[in-house]
Amino acid sequence: MDTKAKIKDILVKLLRVKVEELKDSVTLQESIGVDSTEMVEAIIALEKAFNTKISTKEISKLSTIDEIEQVIQSKLSKV
């Protein structure tokens, strides 16, 4: 499973949305209605799934699937 597919799988299960709703450039907070608590839960789940740590500075930049993938890919390439 590639990185983007894994991210979407985690978010589908956690946010209880359909995978079709998770378009790559969809803003999670505005388009899907993800609140701050759900976003924190999503970040924790992603950190566990990819065995990485996402900084507070990086978290503030995460609003789309593409942005999440970019941050995770940059972390994975450093390992």
Protein backbone atom coordinates (compact mmCIF):
# COMPACT_ATOMS: atom_id res chain seq x y z
CA MET A 1 0.00 0.00 0.00
CA ASP A 2 1.47 3.34 -0.97
CA THR A 3 1.69 6.28 1.44
CA LYS A 4 -1.33 8.19 0.14
CA ALA A 5 -3.53 5.07 0.19
CA LYS A 6 -2.45 4.32 3.75
CA ILE A 7 -3.20 7.90 4.84
CA LYS A 8 -6.65 7.71 3.25
CA ASP A 9 -7.33 4.32 4.85
CA ILE A 10 -6.49 5.69 8.30
CA LEU A 11 -8.62 8.79 7.79
CA VAL A 12 -11.60 6.82 6.43
CA LYS A 13 -11.63 4.61 9.52
CA LEU A 14 -10.99 7.41 11.99
CA LEU A 15 -13.28 10.09 10.54
CA ARG A 16 -15.97 7.69 9.30
CA VAL A 17 -16.07 9.20 5.83
CA LYS A 18 -16.15 7.58 2.43
CA VAL A 19 -12.86 7.33 0.58
CA GLU A 20 -14.49 9.23 -2.31
CA GLU A 21 -14.80 12.25 0.00
CA LEU A 22 -11.05 12.31 0.57
CA LYS A 23 -9.92 14.04 -2.60
CA ASP A 24 -6.22 14.88 -2.57
CA SER A 25 -6.73 18.63 -2.43
CA VAL A 26 -9.86 18.68 -0.23
CA THR A 27 -9.43 20.75 2.91
CA LEU A 28 -10.27 18.38 5.73
CA GLN A 29 -11.51 21.02 8.17
CA GLU A 30 -13.63 23.05 5.75
CA SER A 31 -14.87 20.47 3.24
CA ILE A 32 -15.35 17.43 5.45
CA GLY A 33 -15.91 19.22 8.76
CA VAL A 34 -12.99 17.75 10.69
CA ASP A 35 -12.77 19.50 14.05
CA SER A 36 -9.61 20.14 16.07
CA THR A 37 -10.07 17.05 18.25
CA GLU A 38 -10.49 14.80 15.21
CA MET A 39 -7.43 16.39 13.61
CA VAL A 40 -5.33 15.65 16.71
CA GLU A 41 -6.58 12.05 16.70
CA ALA A 42 -5.73 11.78 13.00
CA ILE A 43 -2.20 13.10 13.56
CA ILE A 44 -1.63 10.63 16.40
CA ALA A 45 -2.91 7.75 14.27
CA LEU A 46 -0.68 8.80 11.36
CA GLU A 47 2.36 9.12 13.63
CA LYS A 48 1.78 5.59 14.92
CA ALA A 49 1.11 4.13 11.48
CA PHE A 50 4.23 5.64 9.94
CA ASN A 51 6.37 5.42 13.08
CA THR A 52 7.26 9.11 12.96
CA LYS A 53 6.72 12.35 14.86
CA ILE A 54 5.00 15.35 13.31
CA SER A 55 5.99 18.66 14.89
CA THR A 56 3.55 21.36 15.95
CA LYS A 57 4.92 23.59 13.19
CA GLU A 58 4.21 20.88 10.59
CA ILE A 59 0.76 20.16 11.99
CA SER A 60 -0.30 23.75 11.36
CA LYS A 61 0.42 23.20 7.65
CA LEU A 62 -1.68 20.05 7.32
CA SER A 63 -5.09 20.62 5.83
CA THR A 64 -5.22 18.39 2.72
CA ILE A 65 -4.28 14.81 1.89
CA ASP A 66 -1.52 16.12 -0.39
CA GLU A 67 0.00 18.19 2.43
CA ILE A 68 -0.16 15.27 4.86
CA GLU A 69 1.50 13.01 2.30
CA GLN A 70 4.29 15.54 1.65
CA VAL A 71 5.13 15.83 5.36
CA ILE A 72 5.09 12.06 5.90
CA GLN A 73 7.13 11.39 2.75
CA SER A 74 9.75 13.91 3.89
CA LYS A 75 9.94 12.14 7.26
CA LEU A 76 10.21 8.70 5.68
CA SER A 77 12.95 9.79 3.29
CA LYS A 78 15.08 10.97 6.25
CA VAL A 79 15.02 7.54 7.89
